N, C-alpha and C. Protein backbone atom coordinates (compact mmCIF):
# COMPACT_ATOMS: atom_id res chain seq x y z
N MET A 1 0.84 -1.20 0.00
CA MET A 1 0.00 0.00 0.00
C MET A 1 0.87 1.23 0.00
N LYS A 2 0.61 2.17 -0.89
CA LYS A 2 1.42 3.38 -0.99
C LYS A 2 1.21 4.26 0.23
N ILE A 3 2.30 4.87 0.69
CA ILE A 3 2.23 5.76 1.84
C ILE A 3 1.40 6.99 1.51
N THR A 4 0.53 7.38 2.44
CA THR A 4 -0.17 8.66 2.34
C THR A 4 0.61 9.66 3.17
N LEU A 5 1.25 10.60 2.50
CA LEU A 5 2.18 11.49 3.17
C LEU A 5 1.55 12.23 4.33
N LEU A 6 0.32 12.73 4.16
CA LEU A 6 -0.32 13.50 5.21
C LEU A 6 -0.57 12.66 6.45
N ASP A 7 -0.79 11.37 6.27
CA ASP A 7 -1.09 10.48 7.40
C ASP A 7 0.18 9.98 8.10
N GLU A 8 1.16 9.55 7.33
CA GLU A 8 2.32 8.89 7.92
C GLU A 8 3.57 9.77 8.01
N LEU A 9 3.72 10.71 7.11
CA LEU A 9 4.91 11.58 7.09
C LEU A 9 4.47 13.03 6.97
N PRO A 10 3.75 13.56 7.96
CA PRO A 10 3.13 14.87 7.82
C PRO A 10 4.11 16.04 7.74
N ASP A 11 5.34 15.84 8.20
CA ASP A 11 6.30 16.95 8.23
C ASP A 11 7.11 17.06 6.94
N ILE A 12 6.93 16.13 6.02
CA ILE A 12 7.69 16.15 4.77
C ILE A 12 6.85 16.82 3.69
N THR A 13 7.35 17.92 3.20
CA THR A 13 6.63 18.68 2.18
C THR A 13 7.60 19.11 1.09
N GLY A 14 7.06 19.75 0.07
CA GLY A 14 7.89 20.25 -1.02
C GLY A 14 8.00 19.26 -2.15
N LEU A 15 9.02 19.44 -2.98
CA LEU A 15 9.24 18.59 -4.14
C LEU A 15 9.93 17.31 -3.71
N LEU A 16 9.31 16.17 -3.99
CA LEU A 16 9.78 14.90 -3.47
C LEU A 16 10.39 14.02 -4.57
N ALA A 17 11.48 13.36 -4.23
CA ALA A 17 12.11 12.39 -5.14
C ALA A 17 12.21 11.04 -4.44
N GLY A 18 12.30 9.99 -5.24
CA GLY A 18 12.56 8.66 -4.71
C GLY A 18 13.80 8.09 -5.38
N THR A 19 14.55 7.28 -4.65
CA THR A 19 15.72 6.64 -5.24
C THR A 19 15.80 5.18 -4.79
N ASP A 20 16.29 4.35 -5.68
CA ASP A 20 16.43 2.91 -5.41
C ASP A 20 17.54 2.37 -6.29
N GLU A 21 18.00 1.18 -5.94
CA GLU A 21 19.08 0.55 -6.72
C GLU A 21 18.65 -0.82 -7.21
N ALA A 22 19.39 -1.32 -8.19
CA ALA A 22 19.22 -2.68 -8.69
C ALA A 22 20.60 -3.30 -8.85
N GLY A 23 20.74 -4.54 -8.39
CA GLY A 23 21.99 -5.25 -8.64
C GLY A 23 22.91 -5.39 -7.46
N ARG A 24 22.39 -5.45 -6.24
CA ARG A 24 23.27 -5.71 -5.09
C ARG A 24 23.72 -7.16 -5.05
N GLY A 25 22.83 -8.08 -5.41
CA GLY A 25 23.12 -9.50 -5.27
C GLY A 25 23.95 -10.15 -6.35
N PRO A 26 23.94 -9.65 -7.59
CA PRO A 26 24.66 -10.34 -8.66
C PRO A 26 26.17 -10.45 -8.42
N LEU A 27 26.76 -11.44 -9.05
CA LEU A 27 28.20 -11.65 -8.97
C LEU A 27 28.96 -10.84 -10.01
N ALA A 28 28.23 -10.25 -10.96
CA ALA A 28 28.88 -9.52 -12.05
C ALA A 28 28.03 -8.32 -12.45
N GLY A 29 28.69 -7.36 -13.09
CA GLY A 29 28.00 -6.19 -13.59
C GLY A 29 27.91 -5.07 -12.58
N ASN A 30 27.40 -3.93 -13.04
CA ASN A 30 27.27 -2.74 -12.22
C ASN A 30 26.12 -2.87 -11.22
N VAL A 31 26.19 -2.08 -10.17
CA VAL A 31 25.00 -1.77 -9.39
C VAL A 31 24.49 -0.45 -9.94
N VAL A 32 23.20 -0.39 -10.22
CA VAL A 32 22.60 0.76 -10.90
C VAL A 32 21.55 1.38 -10.00
N ALA A 33 21.58 2.69 -9.86
CA ALA A 33 20.57 3.41 -9.09
C ALA A 33 19.84 4.38 -9.99
N ALA A 34 18.62 4.69 -9.61
CA ALA A 34 17.83 5.69 -10.31
C ALA A 34 17.17 6.61 -9.29
N ALA A 35 16.84 7.80 -9.72
CA ALA A 35 16.10 8.76 -8.90
C ALA A 35 15.01 9.36 -9.77
N VAL A 36 13.85 9.61 -9.18
CA VAL A 36 12.71 10.09 -9.94
C VAL A 36 11.94 11.13 -9.14
N ILE A 37 11.53 12.20 -9.80
CA ILE A 37 10.54 13.14 -9.28
C ILE A 37 9.31 13.01 -10.15
N LEU A 38 8.22 12.53 -9.59
CA LEU A 38 7.00 12.34 -10.37
C LEU A 38 6.26 13.67 -10.55
N ASN A 39 5.43 13.70 -11.56
CA ASN A 39 4.59 14.86 -11.86
C ASN A 39 3.18 14.55 -11.36
N SER A 40 2.70 15.31 -10.39
CA SER A 40 1.38 15.04 -9.82
C SER A 40 0.26 15.21 -10.84
N ALA A 41 0.54 15.91 -11.94
CA ALA A 41 -0.46 16.12 -12.97
C ALA A 41 -0.48 15.00 -14.01
N GLU A 42 0.48 14.08 -13.92
CA GLU A 42 0.59 12.98 -14.88
C GLU A 42 0.52 11.65 -14.15
N ASN A 43 -0.61 10.99 -14.20
CA ASN A 43 -0.78 9.72 -13.51
C ASN A 43 -0.08 8.59 -14.26
N ILE A 44 0.58 7.71 -13.52
CA ILE A 44 1.21 6.52 -14.10
C ILE A 44 0.65 5.30 -13.37
N ASP A 45 -0.21 4.56 -14.02
CA ASP A 45 -0.82 3.38 -13.41
C ASP A 45 0.14 2.21 -13.40
N GLY A 46 0.12 1.44 -12.32
CA GLY A 46 0.89 0.21 -12.27
C GLY A 46 2.22 0.29 -11.58
N LEU A 47 2.59 1.45 -11.02
CA LEU A 47 3.88 1.55 -10.34
C LEU A 47 3.92 0.61 -9.14
N ASP A 48 5.02 -0.13 -9.04
CA ASP A 48 5.18 -1.09 -7.94
C ASP A 48 6.65 -1.46 -7.87
N ASP A 49 7.00 -2.23 -6.87
CA ASP A 49 8.33 -2.80 -6.77
C ASP A 49 8.66 -3.51 -8.08
N SER A 50 9.79 -3.18 -8.68
CA SER A 50 10.14 -3.74 -9.99
C SER A 50 10.19 -5.25 -9.98
N LYS A 51 10.52 -5.84 -8.82
CA LYS A 51 10.63 -7.30 -8.74
C LYS A 51 9.26 -7.97 -8.86
N LYS A 52 8.19 -7.24 -8.63
CA LYS A 52 6.84 -7.79 -8.71
C LYS A 52 6.25 -7.67 -10.12
N LEU A 53 6.96 -7.01 -11.03
CA LEU A 53 6.45 -6.75 -12.37
C LEU A 53 7.13 -7.65 -13.39
N THR A 54 6.43 -7.94 -14.47
CA THR A 54 7.04 -8.68 -15.56
C THR A 54 8.03 -7.79 -16.30
N GLU A 55 8.93 -8.41 -17.03
CA GLU A 55 9.89 -7.64 -17.80
C GLU A 55 9.19 -6.72 -18.79
N LYS A 56 8.14 -7.22 -19.43
CA LYS A 56 7.39 -6.41 -20.40
C LYS A 56 6.77 -5.20 -19.72
N MET A 57 6.18 -5.39 -18.55
CA MET A 57 5.56 -4.28 -17.83
C MET A 57 6.60 -3.28 -17.36
N ARG A 58 7.76 -3.78 -16.91
CA ARG A 58 8.82 -2.87 -16.48
C ARG A 58 9.27 -1.97 -17.63
N ARG A 59 9.45 -2.54 -18.79
CA ARG A 59 9.89 -1.74 -19.94
C ARG A 59 8.83 -0.71 -20.32
N PHE A 60 7.57 -1.11 -20.28
CA PHE A 60 6.49 -0.18 -20.60
C PHE A 60 6.46 0.98 -19.60
N LEU A 61 6.53 0.62 -18.31
CA LEU A 61 6.46 1.66 -17.28
C LEU A 61 7.69 2.56 -17.30
N ALA A 62 8.84 2.01 -17.65
CA ALA A 62 10.04 2.84 -17.76
C ALA A 62 9.84 3.93 -18.80
N GLY A 63 9.22 3.58 -19.92
CA GLY A 63 8.92 4.58 -20.94
C GLY A 63 7.95 5.63 -20.43
N GLU A 64 6.93 5.19 -19.69
CA GLU A 64 5.96 6.12 -19.11
C GLU A 64 6.63 7.07 -18.11
N ILE A 65 7.49 6.53 -17.28
CA ILE A 65 8.17 7.34 -16.28
C ILE A 65 9.06 8.39 -16.95
N LYS A 66 9.83 7.98 -17.93
CA LYS A 66 10.73 8.92 -18.60
C LYS A 66 9.95 10.02 -19.33
N GLN A 67 8.79 9.68 -19.82
CA GLN A 67 7.97 10.65 -20.55
C GLN A 67 7.22 11.60 -19.62
N LYS A 68 6.73 11.09 -18.49
CA LYS A 68 5.81 11.87 -17.66
C LYS A 68 6.43 12.46 -16.39
N ALA A 69 7.54 11.94 -15.92
CA ALA A 69 8.14 12.44 -14.69
C ALA A 69 8.67 13.86 -14.88
N LEU A 70 8.73 14.62 -13.80
CA LEU A 70 9.34 15.94 -13.86
C LEU A 70 10.84 15.84 -14.08
N ALA A 71 11.44 14.81 -13.49
CA ALA A 71 12.88 14.59 -13.65
C ALA A 71 13.21 13.15 -13.30
N TRP A 72 14.23 12.61 -13.96
CA TRP A 72 14.72 11.26 -13.64
C TRP A 72 16.19 11.17 -14.01
N SER A 73 16.87 10.26 -13.37
CA SER A 73 18.30 10.05 -13.68
C SER A 73 18.67 8.63 -13.28
N VAL A 74 19.74 8.14 -13.89
CA VAL A 74 20.31 6.84 -13.51
C VAL A 74 21.81 7.01 -13.34
N PHE A 75 22.39 6.16 -12.50
CA PHE A 75 23.83 6.21 -12.27
C PHE A 75 24.31 4.82 -11.94
N SER A 76 25.47 4.45 -12.49
CA SER A 76 26.02 3.10 -12.32
C SER A 76 27.36 3.13 -11.59
N VAL A 77 27.58 2.12 -10.77
CA VAL A 77 28.86 1.93 -10.10
C VAL A 77 29.44 0.61 -10.57
N SER A 78 30.68 0.62 -11.00
CA SER A 78 31.30 -0.53 -11.66
C SER A 78 31.66 -1.62 -10.67
N PRO A 79 31.89 -2.84 -11.17
CA PRO A 79 32.36 -3.93 -10.29
C PRO A 79 33.64 -3.58 -9.56
N GLN A 80 34.55 -2.88 -10.23
CA GLN A 80 35.81 -2.49 -9.60
C GLN A 80 35.57 -1.54 -8.42
N GLN A 81 34.64 -0.60 -8.60
CA GLN A 81 34.31 0.31 -7.50
C GLN A 81 33.60 -0.42 -6.37
N ILE A 82 32.75 -1.38 -6.73
CA ILE A 82 32.07 -2.19 -5.72
C ILE A 82 33.10 -2.93 -4.87
N ASP A 83 34.11 -3.51 -5.52
CA ASP A 83 35.15 -4.24 -4.80
C ASP A 83 35.93 -3.32 -3.86
N GLU A 84 36.11 -2.08 -4.28
CA GLU A 84 36.86 -1.13 -3.45
C GLU A 84 36.04 -0.59 -2.29
N MET A 85 34.74 -0.35 -2.53
CA MET A 85 33.90 0.34 -1.55
C MET A 85 33.11 -0.60 -0.65
N ASN A 86 32.79 -1.79 -1.12
CA ASN A 86 31.84 -2.78 -0.63
C ASN A 86 30.46 -2.44 -1.19
N ILE A 87 29.61 -3.45 -1.31
CA ILE A 87 28.37 -3.30 -2.05
C ILE A 87 27.39 -2.35 -1.36
N LEU A 88 27.38 -2.33 -0.02
CA LEU A 88 26.47 -1.42 0.67
C LEU A 88 26.83 0.03 0.37
N GLN A 89 28.11 0.36 0.54
CA GLN A 89 28.53 1.74 0.29
C GLN A 89 28.39 2.11 -1.18
N ALA A 90 28.64 1.16 -2.06
CA ALA A 90 28.49 1.42 -3.49
C ALA A 90 27.03 1.69 -3.83
N SER A 91 26.11 0.95 -3.21
CA SER A 91 24.69 1.16 -3.46
C SER A 91 24.24 2.53 -2.97
N LEU A 92 24.67 2.91 -1.77
CA LEU A 92 24.31 4.21 -1.22
C LEU A 92 24.90 5.34 -2.05
N TYR A 93 26.14 5.16 -2.49
CA TYR A 93 26.78 6.16 -3.35
C TYR A 93 26.04 6.30 -4.67
N ALA A 94 25.62 5.18 -5.24
CA ALA A 94 24.89 5.23 -6.51
C ALA A 94 23.57 5.96 -6.34
N MET A 95 22.84 5.68 -5.25
CA MET A 95 21.56 6.35 -5.03
C MET A 95 21.74 7.84 -4.77
N LYS A 96 22.73 8.18 -3.98
CA LYS A 96 23.01 9.59 -3.70
C LYS A 96 23.37 10.34 -4.99
N THR A 97 24.21 9.73 -5.81
CA THR A 97 24.63 10.39 -7.05
C THR A 97 23.48 10.51 -8.04
N ALA A 98 22.64 9.48 -8.11
CA ALA A 98 21.46 9.56 -8.99
C ALA A 98 20.58 10.72 -8.57
N ALA A 99 20.39 10.90 -7.26
CA ALA A 99 19.58 12.02 -6.78
C ALA A 99 20.24 13.36 -7.13
N GLU A 100 21.55 13.42 -7.00
CA GLU A 100 22.27 14.65 -7.32
C GLU A 100 22.20 15.00 -8.80
N LYS A 101 22.05 13.99 -9.65
CA LYS A 101 22.03 14.20 -11.09
C LYS A 101 20.67 14.66 -11.62
N LEU A 102 19.65 14.67 -10.79
CA LEU A 102 18.33 15.13 -11.23
C LEU A 102 18.41 16.56 -11.74
N LYS A 103 17.76 16.85 -12.86
CA LYS A 103 17.82 18.20 -13.43
C LYS A 103 17.04 19.21 -12.61
N ILE A 104 16.16 18.72 -11.74
CA ILE A 104 15.43 19.57 -10.81
C ILE A 104 15.81 19.12 -9.40
N ARG A 105 16.16 20.06 -8.53
CA ARG A 105 16.56 19.68 -7.18
C ARG A 105 15.33 19.46 -6.31
N PRO A 106 15.18 18.28 -5.73
CA PRO A 106 14.05 18.03 -4.83
C PRO A 106 14.31 18.64 -3.46
N ASP A 107 13.24 18.77 -2.70
CA ASP A 107 13.36 19.24 -1.32
C ASP A 107 13.61 18.09 -0.36
N HIS A 108 13.23 16.89 -0.78
CA HIS A 108 13.37 15.72 0.08
C HIS A 108 13.49 14.48 -0.79
N VAL A 109 14.31 13.54 -0.35
CA VAL A 109 14.51 12.29 -1.09
C VAL A 109 14.09 11.12 -0.22
N PHE A 110 13.24 10.26 -0.77
CA PHE A 110 12.89 9.00 -0.14
C PHE A 110 13.86 7.93 -0.64
N VAL A 111 14.46 7.19 0.29
CA VAL A 111 15.47 6.19 -0.04
C VAL A 111 14.94 4.81 0.31
N ASP A 112 15.01 3.90 -0.63
CA ASP A 112 14.55 2.53 -0.34
C ASP A 112 15.52 1.86 0.62
N GLY A 113 14.97 1.20 1.64
CA GLY A 113 15.82 0.47 2.57
C GLY A 113 15.82 1.09 3.96
N ASN A 114 16.84 0.73 4.74
CA ASN A 114 16.92 1.22 6.11
C ASN A 114 18.12 2.11 6.37
N LYS A 115 18.78 2.57 5.32
CA LYS A 115 19.95 3.43 5.45
C LYS A 115 19.68 4.78 4.78
N MET A 116 19.94 5.86 5.52
CA MET A 116 19.83 7.19 4.93
C MET A 116 21.09 7.52 4.15
N LEU A 117 21.00 8.51 3.27
CA LEU A 117 22.13 8.97 2.48
C LEU A 117 22.93 9.98 3.30
N VAL A 118 24.22 9.71 3.47
CA VAL A 118 25.09 10.59 4.24
C VAL A 118 25.56 11.74 3.36
N ASP A 119 25.60 12.94 3.93
CA ASP A 119 26.06 14.14 3.20
C ASP A 119 25.25 14.39 1.94
N CYS A 120 23.96 14.10 2.02
CA CYS A 120 23.09 14.37 0.88
C CYS A 120 22.81 15.87 0.79
N PHE A 121 22.54 16.37 -0.41
CA PHE A 121 22.32 17.80 -0.62
C PHE A 121 21.00 18.27 -0.03
N CYS A 122 20.10 17.34 0.31
CA CYS A 122 18.83 17.72 0.93
C CYS A 122 18.44 16.66 1.95
N ASP A 123 17.39 16.92 2.70
CA ASP A 123 16.92 15.95 3.68
C ASP A 123 16.50 14.66 2.96
N ASN A 124 16.66 13.55 3.66
CA ASN A 124 16.24 12.27 3.07
C ASN A 124 15.74 11.34 4.16
N THR A 125 14.85 10.44 3.76
CA THR A 125 14.23 9.50 4.68
C THR A 125 14.34 8.09 4.11
N ALA A 126 14.87 7.17 4.90
CA ALA A 126 14.94 5.77 4.50
C ALA A 126 13.61 5.09 4.82
N ILE A 127 13.07 4.35 3.86
CA ILE A 127 11.79 3.68 4.03
C ILE A 127 11.94 2.21 3.67
N ILE A 128 11.79 1.34 4.66
CA ILE A 128 11.89 -0.09 4.43
C ILE A 128 10.76 -0.53 3.51
N LYS A 129 11.11 -1.33 2.51
CA LYS A 129 10.17 -1.78 1.48
C LYS A 129 9.52 -0.60 0.77
N GLY A 130 10.29 0.46 0.65
CA GLY A 130 9.78 1.66 -0.01
C GLY A 130 9.42 1.45 -1.46
N ASP A 131 10.06 0.47 -2.11
CA ASP A 131 9.76 0.24 -3.52
C ASP A 131 8.34 -0.28 -3.72
N SER A 132 7.73 -0.79 -2.65
CA SER A 132 6.33 -1.22 -2.72
C SER A 132 5.37 -0.19 -2.13
N ARG A 133 5.92 0.80 -1.40
CA ARG A 133 5.07 1.68 -0.61
C ARG A 133 5.05 3.13 -1.07
N VAL A 134 6.09 3.56 -1.76
CA VAL A 134 6.20 4.96 -2.17
C VAL A 134 6.33 5.02 -3.69
N ALA A 135 5.43 5.75 -4.33
CA ALA A 135 5.39 5.77 -5.80
C ALA A 135 6.71 6.24 -6.40
N GLU A 136 7.33 7.25 -5.79
CA GLU A 136 8.60 7.76 -6.32
C GLU A 136 9.70 6.70 -6.27
N ILE A 137 9.72 5.92 -5.19
CA ILE A 137 10.71 4.85 -5.09
C ILE A 137 10.37 3.73 -6.05
N SER A 138 9.09 3.40 -6.21
CA SER A 138 8.69 2.37 -7.17
C SER A 138 9.18 2.75 -8.57
N ALA A 139 8.98 4.00 -8.94
CA ALA A 139 9.42 4.45 -10.26
C ALA A 139 10.93 4.33 -10.41
N ALA A 140 11.66 4.70 -9.36
CA ALA A 140 13.12 4.60 -9.41
C ALA A 140 13.55 3.14 -9.52
N SER A 141 12.88 2.25 -8.80
CA SER A 141 13.25 0.84 -8.85
C SER A 141 13.06 0.28 -10.25
N ILE A 142 12.03 0.73 -10.93
CA ILE A 142 11.76 0.26 -12.30
C ILE A 142 12.85 0.75 -13.26
N LEU A 143 13.18 2.04 -13.18
CA LEU A 143 14.22 2.57 -14.07
C LEU A 143 15.56 1.88 -13.81
N ALA A 144 15.89 1.67 -12.55
CA ALA A 144 17.17 1.04 -12.23
C ALA A 144 17.23 -0.39 -12.76
N LYS A 145 16.15 -1.13 -12.57
CA LYS A 145 16.11 -2.52 -13.03
C LYS A 145 16.18 -2.61 -14.55
N VAL A 146 15.42 -1.78 -15.26
CA VAL A 146 15.43 -1.82 -16.72
C VAL A 146 16.80 -1.44 -17.27
N GLU A 147 17.41 -0.42 -16.67
CA GLU A 147 18.74 0.00 -17.11
C GLU A 147 19.77 -1.10 -16.86
N ARG A 148 19.72 -1.72 -15.69
CA ARG A 148 20.71 -2.76 -15.41
C ARG A 148 20.54 -3.97 -16.31
N ASP A 149 19.30 -4.36 -16.57
CA ASP A 149 19.05 -5.49 -17.46
C ASP A 149 19.61 -5.20 -18.86
N ALA A 150 19.44 -3.97 -19.32
CA ALA A 150 19.97 -3.58 -20.63
C ALA A 150 21.50 -3.66 -20.63
N GLN A 151 22.12 -3.24 -19.54
CA GLN A 151 23.57 -3.33 -19.44
C GLN A 151 24.04 -4.78 -19.48
N MET A 152 23.31 -5.66 -18.83
CA MET A 152 23.72 -7.07 -18.81
C MET A 152 23.55 -7.71 -20.18
N LEU A 153 22.59 -7.26 -20.96
CA LEU A 153 22.45 -7.77 -22.33
C LEU A 153 23.65 -7.33 -23.17
N GLU A 154 24.13 -6.12 -22.93
CA GLU A 154 25.34 -5.67 -23.63
C GLU A 154 26.56 -6.49 -23.19
N LEU A 155 26.64 -6.80 -21.90
CA LEU A 155 27.75 -7.64 -21.42
C LEU A 155 27.69 -9.03 -22.05
N HIS A 156 26.48 -9.52 -22.29
CA HIS A 156 26.33 -10.83 -22.92
C HIS A 156 26.96 -10.84 -24.31
N LYS A 157 26.87 -9.72 -25.01
CA LYS A 157 27.49 -9.64 -26.34
C LYS A 157 29.01 -9.74 -26.25
N GLN A 158 29.58 -9.21 -25.16
CA GLN A 158 31.02 -9.27 -24.97
C GLN A 158 31.48 -10.62 -24.44
N TYR A 159 30.66 -11.21 -23.57
CA TYR A 159 31.05 -12.46 -22.91
C TYR A 159 29.89 -13.46 -23.00
N PRO A 160 29.58 -13.94 -24.19
CA PRO A 160 28.41 -14.81 -24.36
C PRO A 160 28.52 -16.14 -23.61
N GLU A 161 29.73 -16.54 -23.29
CA GLU A 161 29.92 -17.84 -22.64
C GLU A 161 29.36 -17.87 -21.21
N TYR A 162 29.09 -16.70 -20.63
CA TYR A 162 28.61 -16.66 -19.24
C TYR A 162 27.08 -16.67 -19.12
N GLY A 163 26.38 -16.45 -20.21
CA GLY A 163 24.92 -16.48 -20.15
C GLY A 163 24.29 -15.31 -19.40
N PHE A 164 24.93 -14.14 -19.47
CA PHE A 164 24.41 -12.99 -18.76
C PHE A 164 23.00 -12.59 -19.23
N ASP A 165 22.63 -12.96 -20.44
CA ASP A 165 21.29 -12.63 -20.94
C ASP A 165 20.21 -13.42 -20.20
N GLN A 166 20.60 -14.50 -19.56
CA GLN A 166 19.63 -15.33 -18.86
C GLN A 166 19.54 -15.03 -17.36
N HIS A 167 20.69 -14.96 -16.69
CA HIS A 167 20.67 -14.79 -15.23
C HIS A 167 21.01 -13.37 -14.78
N LYS A 168 21.41 -12.50 -15.72
CA LYS A 168 21.72 -11.09 -15.41
C LYS A 168 22.79 -10.94 -14.33
N GLY A 169 23.64 -11.96 -14.19
CA GLY A 169 24.73 -11.88 -13.23
C GLY A 169 24.41 -12.44 -11.87
N TYR A 170 23.15 -12.79 -11.61
CA TYR A 170 22.78 -13.32 -10.30
C TYR A 170 23.39 -14.72 -10.09
N PRO A 171 23.58 -15.12 -8.83
CA PRO A 171 24.27 -16.39 -8.54
C PRO A 171 23.39 -17.61 -8.71
N THR A 172 22.87 -17.79 -9.90
CA THR A 172 22.07 -18.98 -10.19
C THR A 172 23.00 -20.20 -10.28
N LYS A 173 22.40 -21.37 -10.25
CA LYS A 173 23.19 -22.60 -10.37
C LYS A 173 23.95 -22.62 -11.68
N MET A 174 23.29 -22.19 -12.76
CA MET A 174 23.93 -22.14 -14.07
C MET A 174 25.14 -21.21 -14.05
N HIS A 175 24.96 -20.02 -13.48
CA HIS A 175 26.05 -19.04 -13.46
C HIS A 175 27.22 -19.54 -12.63
N ARG A 176 26.95 -20.10 -11.47
CA ARG A 176 28.03 -20.58 -10.62
C ARG A 176 28.78 -21.74 -11.28
N LYS A 177 28.06 -22.58 -12.00
CA LYS A 177 28.70 -23.70 -12.69
C LYS A 177 29.67 -23.18 -13.76
N ILE A 178 29.21 -22.23 -14.55
CA ILE A 178 30.08 -21.65 -15.59
C ILE A 178 31.27 -20.95 -14.95
N LEU A 179 31.02 -20.21 -13.89
CA LEU A 179 32.08 -19.48 -13.21
C LEU A 179 33.16 -20.43 -12.69
N ASN A 180 32.74 -21.56 -12.12
CA ASN A 180 33.70 -22.52 -11.61
C ASN A 180 34.45 -23.25 -12.72
N GLU A 181 33.83 -23.34 -13.91
CA GLU A 181 34.46 -24.05 -15.02
C GLU A 181 35.49 -23.18 -15.75
N ILE A 182 35.15 -21.91 -16.00
CA ILE A 182 36.04 -21.08 -16.82
C ILE A 182 36.60 -19.87 -16.10
N GLY A 183 36.18 -19.65 -14.86
CA GLY A 183 36.69 -18.52 -14.10
C GLY A 183 35.97 -17.23 -14.44
N PRO A 184 36.27 -16.16 -13.72
CA PRO A 184 35.56 -14.90 -13.91
C PRO A 184 36.05 -14.11 -15.12
N CYS A 185 35.19 -13.21 -15.59
CA CYS A 185 35.57 -12.25 -16.62
C CYS A 185 35.86 -10.92 -15.91
N PRO A 186 36.33 -9.89 -16.63
CA PRO A 186 36.65 -8.62 -15.97
C PRO A 186 35.46 -7.95 -15.30
N GLU A 187 34.23 -8.34 -15.63
CA GLU A 187 33.06 -7.71 -15.04
C GLU A 187 32.54 -8.42 -13.81
N HIS A 188 33.23 -9.46 -13.36
CA HIS A 188 32.83 -10.12 -12.12
C HIS A 188 33.38 -9.37 -10.91
N ARG A 189 32.65 -9.46 -9.81
CA ARG A 189 33.01 -8.77 -8.57
C ARG A 189 33.93 -9.65 -7.74
N ARG A 190 35.20 -9.28 -7.72
CA ARG A 190 36.21 -10.12 -7.05
C ARG A 190 36.00 -10.20 -5.54
N SER A 191 35.29 -9.25 -4.95
CA SER A 191 35.08 -9.27 -3.51
C SER A 191 33.98 -10.23 -3.08
N TYR A 192 33.25 -10.81 -4.04
CA TYR A 192 32.16 -11.73 -3.73
C TYR A 192 32.72 -13.15 -3.60
N ALA A 193 32.29 -13.85 -2.56
CA ALA A 193 32.86 -15.16 -2.23
C ALA A 193 32.84 -16.16 -3.38
N PRO A 194 31.72 -16.35 -4.10
CA PRO A 194 31.74 -17.33 -5.19
C PRO A 194 32.77 -17.00 -6.27
N VAL A 195 33.02 -15.72 -6.51
CA VAL A 195 34.02 -15.32 -7.50
C VAL A 195 35.42 -15.60 -6.97
N ARG A 196 35.65 -15.27 -5.72
CA ARG A 196 36.96 -15.55 -5.10
C ARG A 196 37.27 -17.04 -5.13
N HIS A 197 36.27 -17.85 -4.81
CA HIS A 197 36.48 -19.29 -4.81
C HIS A 197 36.76 -19.81 -6.22
N ALA A 198 36.06 -19.26 -7.21
CA ALA A 198 36.30 -19.67 -8.59
C ALA A 198 37.71 -19.32 -9.03
N MET A 199 38.19 -18.15 -8.59
CA MET A 199 39.54 -17.74 -8.94
C MET A 199 40.58 -18.64 -8.28
N ALA A 200 40.24 -19.12 -7.09
CA ALA A 200 41.17 -19.98 -6.35
C ALA A 200 41.06 -21.45 -6.74
N GLY A 201 40.08 -21.76 -7.59
CA GLY A 201 39.92 -23.13 -8.04
C GLY A 201 39.16 -23.99 -7.06
N THR A 202 38.46 -23.34 -6.11
CA THR A 202 37.63 -24.07 -5.16
C THR A 202 36.18 -23.68 -5.40
N THR A 203 35.26 -24.43 -4.83
CA THR A 203 33.84 -24.14 -4.99
C THR A 203 33.18 -24.00 -3.64
N VAL A 204 32.05 -23.28 -3.63
CA VAL A 204 31.26 -23.12 -2.42
C VAL A 204 30.00 -23.95 -2.60
N PRO A 205 29.57 -24.73 -1.60
CA PRO A 205 28.33 -25.50 -1.74
C PRO A 205 27.16 -24.61 -2.12
N ASP A 206 26.25 -25.14 -2.92
CA ASP A 206 25.12 -24.35 -3.40
C ASP A 206 24.36 -23.67 -2.28
N ALA A 207 24.11 -24.39 -1.20
CA ALA A 207 23.31 -23.84 -0.11
C ALA A 207 23.99 -22.62 0.51
N VAL A 208 25.32 -22.63 0.53
CA VAL A 208 26.06 -21.50 1.07
C VAL A 208 26.09 -20.36 0.07
N ASN A 209 26.28 -20.70 -1.20
CA ASN A 209 26.35 -19.68 -2.23
C ASN A 209 25.13 -18.78 -2.26
N MET A 210 23.96 -19.35 -1.97
CA MET A 210 22.72 -18.61 -2.13
C MET A 210 22.40 -17.71 -0.94
N ARG A 211 23.15 -17.80 0.14
CA ARG A 211 22.89 -16.96 1.28
C ARG A 211 23.57 -15.62 1.10
N ASP A 212 22.84 -14.53 1.26
CA ASP A 212 23.38 -13.19 1.01
C ASP A 212 24.64 -12.92 1.80
N GLU A 213 24.68 -13.38 3.07
CA GLU A 213 25.82 -13.04 3.90
C GLU A 213 27.11 -13.74 3.43
N ASN A 214 26.98 -14.73 2.57
CA ASN A 214 28.16 -15.42 2.06
C ASN A 214 28.55 -14.98 0.65
N LEU A 215 27.85 -13.98 0.13
CA LEU A 215 28.21 -13.49 -1.20
C LEU A 215 29.43 -12.62 -1.14
N ILE A 216 29.67 -11.96 0.00
CA ILE A 216 30.78 -11.03 0.08
C ILE A 216 31.65 -11.34 1.30
């Protein structure tokens, strides 16, 4: 259920933006963030957490958002930067930068998750499950997911042997099998445990590989 600002967040007013990221869990590729300021005069039906939408619906809504929003932006952080910063800090940096890149400055930014943006140019509020509850964050989650999927399709053209067009870099059984057989490509995240093990010639049991806390 979308948050009703007057009921739940009565002190937040002005021009509002939402930001979210896509790609924290994958073993390869960028983490991508988006920020969106919606136009109250332009209704967009169907906004929701991008993970709950079909790929076709995400692409359609991304077009609607880009056409009707007051402002939107996307920003990517590379695997090399993720390895240097860690994935949490890289995700927060991506969301903060996406918000900063908006052509219109918002008065307040809603951030998906439980972490606020440090040293942000304006006030911001972290909202757990915000991608399902706040329309601005839902829109950002859709743009981030569509952009990242497009990037992974481009990576597939460079490295077709990894099947990035199918798993988008996530640690599926297929991806881990290929990784253990041929090793990582330059777009794999060396700080993630399954990639480190593949580089060392060892493997991690499937049950361990799939737990988030063992990815890094």
